[in-house]
Amino acid sequence: MKITVRRASVFYAVLLAFIAGVVFLVTSIYTDGEEWATKRANRHLYSKSNAVLSAGPVVDIRGTVLAETLNSKRIYNDDAELRKAVLHVLGDTHGFISTGTQNLYSHTLSGYSFVDGIYSLKTSGTGPELVLNLDGDACKAAYKALGKFNGAVAVYNYKTGQLLCSVSKPTYDLVNKPDDVNTNPKYDGAYLDKVVSGLYTPGSIMKIVTAACAIENIPDIYERTFDCNGEYVVTEGQRGIICNADHKTGLSFEDAMNKSCNAVFAQIALELGADKLRATAESMGFNTNLYAREVRLKPSRFNPPSDDKLELGWAGIGQSTTLVNPCHFLSIMGAIANGGQGYAPDRIFLMKGLLAGQRGTQVMISINPETAKQLDALLRSNIENEYGDDRFPDLQMCGKTGTAQITGAESHSWFVGYSQREDLPLAVVCVAENAGSGMKTAVNVSNEIMQYFLDNPY
């Protein structure tokens, strides 16, 4: 009897182990099957050189084919300038550009399914079509507008989150990849999509965050007046915070924003203190891991010191150790334009039959609606009273420039903004590396790309 019981126990133990193994296997296939099937060792998908053999087409929002598979060969659009302009969003098939669509969505392009695996790919020779929100011609316009400068430009619909334009430079041509791309300094950062993975000193665009903190923590901020003699001295006898001009006396908070007065905003930053500034910045996504759908952004950094007043003043005007990710700040502008809700930029319009609207919008940044309303008025005032609407014809633009000082090099040129037009709910971010004043290159590039969408509604 005891032997029978022991044998039964062993049998049931083996049976339970078998069942557990089956459950584990099925669960693993369900959760990791796509990743396993699309690994580069799979010769149904990749050649020995890691070039993709079969994958579905990638097209832009206007139907322009950016990449497709023909006769087991990956083919790209005939327009070399377009290929360079969309490189970082499209990505390569070797994984050098890790945030590229062809890398992030390789399982989708392969047509993998839990039931059939990649059988449909083997039988049809190509995977399903993936449609981007990206407008290829808009990317070309931004690429040309940047001219000789490296940097990043992006435009998105702040009502829907659709990423319509995203350009990163330096870039290269996938079809005719330079032999020296890994050694020539002019290609430094060519594998990096600076829109989502770049970090830059922001300069005066950071005054938007400082202004938000002042609105929420200094009740009489709009009633106060400030003085500027071209330098704000924090400690007597020591060099202070240099302003871009001598703005004289009697400046209002709005005047200080219009003129981007370093002296006034340094004073405001010191009054607020490091803790309040950091709290506002973190409520707007700084020092946080953010995601634009499947794409992880490089975290923006804001850690002003409490015990160094000079550095705190510089941090409040976007210098010191402050660093900003362009895509993150694009969402901040979207939040202001959209009454407080800043959606994450989304590059996919149609994937496996699922429309962008069905994917749902993803909130990245939330701002108090009243704060957003006041920031909106300040940013509109900048254009009306300082930059001039003639710099942005017919756009009803709001925005802020930035001239980010870089040690040992020319300043970075920034512009962030958006249109208030109901028929053009678009926000833009531009950073042109070592291009000088934000009033020059970044403003011009931003206007050119916004004019493109005004003339070519999607």
Protein backbone atom coordinates (compact mmCIF):
# COMPACT_ATOMS: atom_id res chain seq x y z
CA MET A 1 0.00 0.00 0.00
CA LYS A 2 2.78 2.38 0.94
CA ILE A 3 4.55 1.68 -2.37
CA THR A 4 1.36 2.50 -4.30
CA VAL A 5 0.97 5.78 -2.40
CA ARG A 6 4.60 6.69 -3.07
CA ARG A 7 4.27 5.91 -6.76
CA ALA A 8 1.08 7.96 -6.94
CA SER A 9 2.78 10.86 -5.19
CA VAL A 10 5.67 10.75 -7.63
CA PHE A 11 3.24 10.59 -10.57
CA TYR A 12 1.26 13.58 -9.35
CA ALA A 13 4.44 15.51 -8.65
CA VAL A 14 5.67 14.86 -12.19
CA LEU A 15 2.22 15.76 -13.58
CA LEU A 16 2.13 19.03 -11.65
CA ALA A 17 5.66 19.87 -12.80
CA PHE A 18 4.63 19.14 -16.38
CA ILE A 19 1.54 21.33 -16.12
CA ALA A 20 3.57 24.10 -14.50
CA GLY A 21 6.11 23.84 -17.33
CA VAL A 22 3.38 24.08 -19.97
CA VAL A 23 1.86 27.11 -18.24
CA PHE A 24 5.28 28.74 -17.99
CA LEU A 25 6.03 28.01 -21.67
CA VAL A 26 2.70 29.36 -22.92
CA THR A 27 3.01 32.45 -20.72
CA SER A 28 6.55 33.05 -21.93
CA ILE A 29 5.50 32.73 -25.56
CA TYR A 30 2.61 35.12 -24.96
CA THR A 31 4.72 37.75 -23.21
CA ASP A 32 8.05 37.36 -25.03
CA GLY A 33 7.15 35.68 -28.32
CA GLU A 34 7.36 38.87 -30.35
CA GLU A 35 10.82 39.65 -29.00
CA TRP A 36 12.08 36.10 -29.61
CA ALA A 37 10.70 35.95 -33.14
CA THR A 38 12.22 39.29 -34.14
CA LYS A 39 15.70 38.77 -32.74
CA ARG A 40 18.43 39.40 -35.31
CA ALA A 41 19.46 35.74 -35.21
CA ASN A 42 16.20 34.82 -36.98
CA ARG A 43 17.25 34.29 -40.61
CA HIS A 44 13.62 34.40 -41.77
CA LEU A 45 13.78 38.13 -40.99
CA TYR A 46 17.43 39.12 -41.28
CA SER A 47 20.39 38.36 -43.48
CA LYS A 48 23.82 37.56 -42.08
CA SER A 49 24.64 41.26 -42.31
CA ASN A 50 21.64 42.02 -40.08
CA ALA A 51 19.84 43.69 -42.96
CA VAL A 52 16.10 43.09 -42.85
CA LEU A 53 14.87 40.59 -45.45
CA SER A 54 11.13 41.03 -45.09
CA ALA A 55 9.16 43.66 -43.25
CA GLY A 56 6.06 45.72 -43.87
CA PRO A 57 6.13 49.17 -45.43
CA VAL A 58 6.45 52.36 -43.38
CA VAL A 59 4.59 55.35 -44.83
CA ASP A 60 4.05 58.93 -43.68
CA ILE A 61 0.70 60.52 -42.91
CA ARG A 62 0.28 61.67 -46.53
CA GLY A 63 0.93 58.19 -47.92
CA THR A 64 4.55 58.67 -49.00
CA VAL A 65 6.42 55.37 -48.71
CA LEU A 66 9.51 55.81 -46.59
CA ALA A 67 10.60 52.15 -46.52
CA GLU A 68 9.32 48.86 -47.94
CA THR A 69 10.47 45.34 -48.75
CA LEU A 70 10.76 44.24 -52.37
CA ASN A 71 12.18 40.86 -53.32
CA SER A 72 13.56 40.33 -49.80
CA LYS A 73 15.39 43.66 -49.93
CA ARG A 74 14.65 46.76 -47.84
CA ILE A 75 14.06 49.70 -50.17
CA TYR A 76 13.93 53.37 -49.16
CA ASN A 77 12.37 56.44 -50.77
CA ASP A 78 14.17 57.77 -53.87
CA ASP A 79 14.53 61.27 -52.38
CA ALA A 80 17.93 61.46 -50.63
CA GLU A 81 17.01 64.66 -48.78
CA LEU A 82 13.85 63.03 -47.45
CA ARG A 83 15.84 59.99 -46.32
CA LYS A 84 18.17 62.23 -44.31
CA ALA A 85 15.32 64.27 -42.85
CA VAL A 86 13.35 61.27 -41.52
CA LEU A 87 16.32 59.09 -40.61
CA HIS A 88 15.99 59.26 -36.85
CA VAL A 89 12.26 58.61 -36.64
CA LEU A 90 12.35 55.90 -39.31
CA GLY A 91 15.58 54.39 -37.99
CA ASP A 92 17.76 51.74 -39.57
CA THR A 93 17.45 47.93 -39.60
CA HIS A 94 20.77 47.33 -37.85
CA GLY A 95 19.75 48.87 -34.54
CA PHE A 96 22.32 51.69 -34.57
CA ILE A 97 19.46 54.17 -34.05
CA SER A 98 17.86 52.45 -31.09
CA THR A 99 14.81 54.75 -30.92
CA GLY A 100 14.00 54.40 -34.64
CA THR A 101 10.63 53.02 -35.71
CA GLN A 102 12.15 50.09 -37.61
CA ASN A 103 13.88 48.99 -34.42
CA LEU A 104 11.15 49.71 -31.86
CA TYR A 105 8.37 48.25 -34.00
CA SER A 106 10.23 45.39 -35.68
CA HIS A 107 7.71 42.90 -34.26
CA THR A 108 4.82 44.89 -35.78
CA LEU A 109 6.52 45.18 -39.17
CA SER A 110 7.22 41.43 -39.15
CA GLY A 111 3.50 40.67 -38.84
CA TYR A 112 4.05 38.50 -35.78
CA SER A 113 0.96 37.06 -34.10
CA PHE A 114 0.63 34.83 -31.05
CA VAL A 115 -1.19 32.13 -33.03
CA ASP A 116 0.75 32.10 -36.32
CA GLY A 117 4.10 33.58 -35.29
CA ILE A 118 5.74 34.96 -38.47
CA TYR A 119 3.99 32.47 -40.80
CA SER A 120 2.15 35.26 -42.66
CA LEU A 121 5.46 37.00 -43.29
CA LYS A 122 6.98 33.83 -44.75
CA THR A 123 4.00 33.24 -47.05
CA SER A 124 3.37 36.82 -48.21
CA GLY A 125 6.98 38.05 -48.22
CA THR A 126 6.13 41.22 -46.35
CA GLY A 127 4.62 42.34 -43.08
CA PRO A 128 1.74 44.76 -42.40
CA GLU A 129 1.88 48.46 -43.20
CA LEU A 130 2.74 50.94 -40.45
CA VAL A 131 1.58 54.55 -40.95
CA LEU A 132 3.41 57.34 -39.15
CA ASN A 133 1.95 60.67 -38.04
CA LEU A 134 5.12 62.13 -39.55
CA ASP A 135 4.84 64.39 -42.60
CA GLY A 136 7.92 63.69 -44.70
CA ASP A 137 7.79 66.98 -46.58
CA ALA A 138 7.53 68.87 -43.30
CA CYS A 139 10.67 67.10 -42.11
CA LYS A 140 12.41 68.12 -45.32
CA ALA A 141 11.36 71.73 -44.72
CA ALA A 142 12.75 71.66 -41.17
CA TYR A 143 15.94 69.91 -42.32
CA LYS A 144 16.57 72.62 -44.94
CA ALA A 145 15.65 75.42 -42.53
CA LEU A 146 18.31 74.28 -40.04
CA GLY A 147 20.86 74.72 -42.80
CA LYS A 148 24.43 74.32 -41.60
CA PHE A 149 23.44 73.92 -37.95
CA ASN A 150 22.98 70.70 -36.02
CA GLY A 151 20.19 70.36 -33.50
CA ALA A 152 16.57 69.29 -33.22
CA VAL A 153 13.19 70.45 -34.52
CA ALA A 154 9.78 68.98 -33.73
CA VAL A 155 6.15 69.92 -34.25
CA TYR A 156 3.08 68.21 -32.83
CA ASN A 157 -0.66 68.65 -32.57
CA TYR A 158 -1.28 69.63 -28.95
CA LYS A 159 -4.93 68.55 -29.18
CA THR A 160 -4.20 64.98 -30.33
CA GLY A 161 -0.51 64.35 -29.56
CA GLN A 162 0.32 63.55 -33.20
CA LEU A 163 4.04 64.07 -33.88
CA LEU A 164 4.02 65.60 -37.36
CA CYS A 165 7.64 66.68 -37.74
CA SER A 166 10.79 65.45 -36.02
CA VAL A 167 14.28 66.18 -37.33
CA SER A 168 17.66 65.58 -35.73
CA LYS A 169 21.04 66.66 -37.10
CA PRO A 170 23.68 65.55 -37.90
CA THR A 171 22.15 62.89 -40.07
CA TYR A 172 23.17 60.70 -42.99
CA ASP A 173 21.68 58.82 -45.94
CA LEU A 174 20.71 55.20 -45.22
CA VAL A 175 21.14 54.25 -48.86
CA ASN A 176 24.61 55.78 -49.18
CA LYS A 177 25.92 55.56 -45.63
CA PRO A 178 29.28 57.40 -45.33
CA ASP A 179 32.27 55.17 -44.70
CA ASP A 180 33.52 57.59 -42.04
CA VAL A 181 30.26 57.99 -40.10
CA ASN A 182 31.90 56.42 -37.04
CA THR A 183 35.15 58.41 -37.22
CA ASN A 184 34.43 61.82 -38.76
CA PRO A 185 33.65 64.47 -36.09
CA LYS A 186 31.00 66.05 -38.31
CA TYR A 187 28.86 62.95 -37.73
CA ASP A 188 29.18 63.01 -33.92
CA GLY A 189 25.75 62.15 -32.57
CA ALA A 190 24.44 60.94 -35.93
CA TYR A 191 22.94 57.81 -34.33
CA LEU A 192 21.18 59.90 -31.66
CA ASP A 193 17.65 61.22 -32.16
CA LYS A 194 18.14 64.51 -30.37
CA VAL A 195 14.42 65.24 -30.20
CA VAL A 196 13.87 62.35 -27.78
CA SER A 197 17.40 61.59 -26.55
CA GLY A 198 19.12 64.98 -26.56
CA LEU A 199 19.91 67.13 -23.51
CA TYR A 200 20.71 70.82 -23.83
CA THR A 201 21.29 73.87 -21.67
CA PRO A 202 17.95 75.66 -22.18
CA GLY A 203 18.79 79.31 -21.60
CA SER A 204 15.82 81.64 -21.31
CA ILE A 205 13.10 79.16 -22.29
CA MET A 206 13.52 77.97 -18.69
CA LYS A 207 12.05 81.31 -17.57
CA ILE A 208 8.68 79.77 -18.45
CA VAL A 209 9.13 77.32 -15.57
CA THR A 210 10.38 80.06 -13.23
CA ALA A 211 7.39 82.21 -14.25
CA ALA A 212 5.01 79.33 -13.47
CA CYS A 213 6.56 79.01 -10.01
CA ALA A 214 6.23 82.76 -9.42
CA ILE A 215 2.58 82.77 -10.51
CA GLU A 216 1.79 80.01 -8.01
CA ASN A 217 3.90 81.27 -5.09
CA ILE A 218 4.14 85.09 -5.23
CA PRO A 219 0.59 86.47 -4.91
CA ASP A 220 1.46 90.06 -5.95
CA ILE A 221 3.85 89.18 -8.78
CA TYR A 222 1.83 91.18 -11.32
CA GLU A 223 1.69 94.27 -9.09
CA ARG A 224 5.43 94.47 -8.48
CA THR A 225 8.00 96.45 -10.41
CA PHE A 226 11.66 95.57 -10.86
CA ASP A 227 14.88 97.35 -11.78
CA CYS A 228 17.69 96.25 -14.11
CA ASN A 229 21.02 97.99 -14.67
CA GLY A 230 22.48 95.21 -16.80
CA GLU A 231 23.73 93.04 -13.93
CA TYR A 232 22.20 91.56 -10.82
CA VAL A 233 24.75 91.43 -8.02
CA VAL A 234 24.03 88.59 -5.62
CA THR A 235 26.99 89.18 -3.30
CA GLU A 236 28.65 92.57 -2.98
CA GLY A 237 32.11 92.71 -4.46
CA GLN A 238 31.57 89.65 -6.66
CA ARG A 239 30.59 89.28 -10.29
CA GLY A 240 26.83 88.99 -10.64
CA ILE A 241 24.34 87.66 -13.18
CA ILE A 242 24.74 89.50 -16.45
CA CYS A 243 21.64 90.65 -18.30
CA ASN A 244 21.34 90.94 -22.07
CA ALA A 245 20.63 94.68 -21.76
CA ASP A 246 20.20 97.57 -19.32
CA HIS A 247 16.41 97.48 -18.98
CA LYS A 248 16.24 100.48 -16.58
CA THR A 249 13.60 100.81 -13.88
CA GLY A 250 9.93 100.09 -13.35
CA LEU A 251 9.74 96.75 -15.16
CA SER A 252 6.58 94.73 -14.62
CA PHE A 253 6.56 90.93 -14.50
CA GLU A 254 5.19 90.92 -18.05
CA ASP A 255 7.87 93.39 -19.19
CA ALA A 256 10.55 91.16 -17.69
CA MET A 257 9.22 88.15 -19.60
CA ASN A 258 8.93 90.12 -22.85
CA LYS A 259 12.49 91.42 -22.57
CA SER A 260 13.78 88.14 -21.10
CA CYS A 261 15.46 90.09 -18.31
CA ASN A 262 18.04 87.96 -16.53
CA ALA A 263 18.31 90.38 -13.64
CA VAL A 264 14.61 90.26 -12.81
CA PHE A 265 14.26 86.50 -13.18
CA ALA A 266 17.36 85.91 -11.08
CA GLN A 267 15.79 88.04 -8.33
CA ILE A 268 12.55 86.07 -8.62
CA ALA A 269 14.43 82.75 -8.51
CA LEU A 270 16.25 83.78 -5.33
CA GLU A 271 13.02 84.89 -3.69
CA LEU A 272 11.32 81.61 -4.55
CA GLY A 273 14.23 79.49 -3.40
CA ALA A 274 15.56 76.17 -4.64
CA ASP A 275 12.86 73.99 -3.08
CA LYS A 276 9.89 75.77 -4.66
CA LEU A 277 11.60 76.03 -8.04
CA ARG A 278 12.48 72.34 -7.98
CA ALA A 279 8.93 71.40 -6.95
CA THR A 280 7.44 73.35 -9.86
CA ALA A 281 9.97 71.93 -12.31
CA GLU A 282 9.32 68.37 -11.14
CA SER A 283 5.56 68.90 -11.40
CA MET A 284 6.27 69.74 -15.05
CA GLY A 285 8.29 66.57 -15.65
CA PHE A 286 11.88 67.42 -14.72
CA ASN A 287 14.01 64.78 -12.96
CA THR A 288 11.49 62.16 -14.11
CA ASN A 289 11.49 59.27 -16.57
CA LEU A 290 9.01 60.24 -19.28
CA TYR A 291 7.78 58.24 -22.25
CA ALA A 292 6.43 59.36 -25.60
CA ARG A 293 4.52 56.12 -26.10
CA GLU A 294 7.15 53.40 -26.56
CA VAL A 295 10.03 55.90 -26.73
CA ARG A 296 11.81 56.70 -23.47
CA LEU A 297 12.93 60.33 -23.28
CA LYS A 298 16.22 61.47 -21.85
CA PRO A 299 15.20 63.01 -18.50
CA SER A 300 15.44 66.79 -18.19
CA ARG A 301 17.45 67.88 -15.16
CA PHE A 302 16.86 70.69 -12.70
CA ASN A 303 18.70 70.59 -9.37
CA PRO A 304 19.45 74.15 -8.23
CA PRO A 305 21.64 74.42 -5.13
CA SER A 306 20.11 75.81 -1.94
CA ASP A 307 23.41 77.07 -0.54
CA ASP A 308 24.81 78.90 -3.57
CA LYS A 309 22.76 81.98 -4.41
CA LEU A 310 24.70 82.81 -7.54
CA GLU A 311 24.16 79.35 -9.02
CA LEU A 312 20.52 79.40 -7.95
CA GLY A 313 20.04 82.67 -9.82
CA TRP A 314 21.70 81.23 -12.93
CA ALA A 315 19.56 78.07 -12.69
CA GLY A 316 16.39 80.19 -12.60
CA ILE A 317 17.28 81.68 -15.99
CA GLY A 318 18.17 78.36 -17.60
CA GLN A 319 21.91 78.19 -17.07
CA SER A 320 24.04 76.48 -14.39
CA THR A 321 23.53 72.69 -14.47
CA THR A 322 19.99 72.83 -15.91
CA LEU A 323 19.46 70.54 -18.93
CA VAL A 324 16.36 70.09 -21.08
CA ASN A 325 15.10 67.42 -23.47
CA PRO A 326 13.42 69.00 -26.56
CA CYS A 327 10.52 66.52 -26.71
CA HIS A 328 9.78 67.07 -23.02
CA PHE A 329 9.63 70.84 -23.50
CA LEU A 330 7.41 70.40 -26.55
CA SER A 331 4.88 68.71 -24.27
CA ILE A 332 5.17 71.58 -21.76
CA MET A 333 4.25 74.00 -24.53
CA GLY A 334 1.39 71.70 -25.48
CA ALA A 335 0.14 71.76 -21.89
CA ILE A 336 0.10 75.56 -21.81
CA ALA A 337 -1.64 75.77 -25.18
CA ASN A 338 -4.14 73.06 -24.24
CA GLY A 339 -5.26 74.57 -20.95
CA GLY A 340 -3.09 72.39 -18.72
CA GLN A 341 -2.94 68.96 -20.40
CA GLY A 342 0.26 68.22 -22.31
CA TYR A 343 0.04 65.07 -24.40
CA ALA A 344 3.00 62.86 -25.18
CA PRO A 345 4.07 63.19 -28.83
CA ASP A 346 2.97 60.04 -30.69
CA ARG A 347 4.71 58.99 -33.91
CA ILE A 348 2.25 56.22 -34.94
CA PHE A 349 -0.98 56.93 -36.86
CA LEU A 350 -2.00 53.42 -37.91
CA MET A 351 -0.59 50.15 -36.60
CA LYS A 352 -2.15 46.71 -37.14
CA GLY A 353 -5.42 48.39 -38.10
CA LEU A 354 -5.51 50.48 -34.93
CA LEU A 355 -5.89 54.20 -35.63
CA ALA A 356 -4.01 56.77 -33.55
CA GLY A 357 -7.26 58.02 -32.04
CA GLN A 358 -8.09 54.49 -30.92
CA ARG A 359 -4.69 54.18 -29.25
CA GLY A 360 -5.74 57.03 -26.98
CA THR A 361 -3.81 60.11 -25.95
CA GLN A 362 -1.16 59.82 -23.26
CA VAL A 363 -0.84 62.73 -20.83
CA MET A 364 2.81 63.57 -20.22
CA ILE A 365 2.56 66.97 -18.46
CA SER A 366 -0.17 68.49 -16.30
CA ILE A 367 -0.20 72.18 -15.34
CA ASN A 368 -2.73 73.96 -13.16
CA PRO A 369 -5.30 75.39 -15.63
CA GLU A 370 -5.12 78.89 -14.15
CA THR A 371 -1.31 78.84 -14.32
CA ALA A 372 -1.51 77.64 -17.92
CA LYS A 373 -3.91 80.48 -18.76
CA GLN A 374 -1.54 83.11 -17.34
CA LEU A 375 1.50 81.59 -19.06
CA ASP A 376 -0.46 81.58 -22.32
CA ALA A 377 -1.07 85.34 -21.94
CA LEU A 378 2.61 85.99 -21.19
CA LEU A 379 3.81 83.96 -24.17
CA ARG A 380 1.37 85.71 -26.48
CA SER A 381 2.55 89.06 -25.10
CA ASN A 382 6.15 88.12 -25.98
CA ILE A 383 5.21 87.90 -29.67
CA GLU A 384 2.92 90.90 -29.72
CA ASN A 385 5.08 93.29 -27.70
CA GLU A 386 8.67 92.15 -28.26
CA TYR A 387 9.35 89.73 -31.14
CA GLY A 388 6.61 90.98 -33.44
CA ASP A 389 3.79 89.15 -35.21
CA ASP A 390 5.58 89.91 -38.47
CA ARG A 391 8.13 87.25 -37.47
CA PHE A 392 5.25 84.72 -37.58
CA PRO A 393 2.79 85.94 -40.22
CA ASP A 394 -0.83 84.74 -39.83
CA LEU A 395 0.09 82.28 -37.06
CA GLN A 396 -1.27 83.99 -33.92
CA MET A 397 1.84 82.70 -32.24
CA CYS A 398 2.85 82.41 -28.59
CA GLY A 399 6.41 81.64 -27.60
CA LYS A 400 9.74 82.20 -25.91
CA THR A 401 13.27 82.43 -27.25
CA GLY A 402 16.39 81.19 -25.52
CA THR A 403 20.07 81.93 -25.96
CA ALA A 404 21.86 79.20 -24.03
CA GLN A 405 25.45 80.07 -23.18
CA ILE A 406 27.93 77.23 -23.69
CA THR A 407 31.46 77.29 -22.26
CA GLY A 408 34.02 77.69 -25.02
CA ALA A 409 31.50 77.75 -27.88
CA GLU A 410 28.78 79.84 -29.51
CA SER A 411 25.43 79.83 -27.71
CA HIS A 412 22.61 77.44 -28.64
CA SER A 413 19.62 79.12 -30.27
CA TRP A 414 16.18 78.12 -28.90
CA PHE A 415 12.55 78.79 -29.67
CA VAL A 416 9.51 77.11 -28.15
CA GLY A 417 5.97 78.10 -29.00
CA TYR A 418 2.57 77.30 -30.45
CA SER A 419 -0.22 78.75 -32.56
CA GLN A 420 -3.48 79.85 -30.94
CA ARG A 421 -5.37 79.38 -34.20
CA GLU A 422 -8.21 76.88 -33.84
CA ASP A 423 -7.38 75.44 -37.27
CA LEU A 424 -3.65 75.13 -36.48
CA PRO A 425 -3.29 73.60 -32.98
CA LEU A 426 0.43 73.00 -33.33
CA ALA A 427 3.36 73.45 -30.94
CA VAL A 428 6.99 73.69 -32.04
CA VAL A 429 10.42 73.32 -30.46
CA CYS A 430 13.69 74.21 -32.13
CA VAL A 431 17.25 74.13 -30.82
CA ALA A 432 20.01 75.06 -33.26
CA GLU A 433 23.41 74.20 -31.84
CA ASN A 434 25.97 77.01 -31.63
CA ALA A 435 23.76 79.25 -33.76
CA GLY A 436 23.75 82.27 -31.44
CA SER A 437 20.69 84.26 -30.41
CA GLY A 438 17.31 82.58 -30.21
CA MET A 439 15.85 85.60 -32.02
CA LYS A 440 17.73 84.59 -35.14
CA THR A 441 18.08 80.98 -36.26
CA ALA A 442 15.57 79.26 -33.96
CA VAL A 443 12.82 81.82 -34.60
CA ASN A 444 13.37 81.64 -38.36
CA VAL A 445 13.37 77.82 -38.42
CA SER A 446 10.25 77.65 -36.26
CA ASN A 447 8.40 80.11 -38.47
CA GLU A 448 9.35 78.24 -41.64
CA ILE A 449 8.03 74.91 -40.39
CA MET A 450 4.85 76.46 -38.98
CA GLN A 451 4.26 78.24 -42.30
CA TYR A 452 4.58 74.87 -44.03
CA PHE A 453 1.68 73.49 -42.00
CA LEU A 454 -0.34 76.67 -42.53
CA ASP A 455 0.05 76.17 -46.32
CA ASN A 456 -0.26 72.36 -46.20
CA PRO A 457 -2.93 71.36 -43.65
CA TYR A 458 -2.92 67.62 -43.05
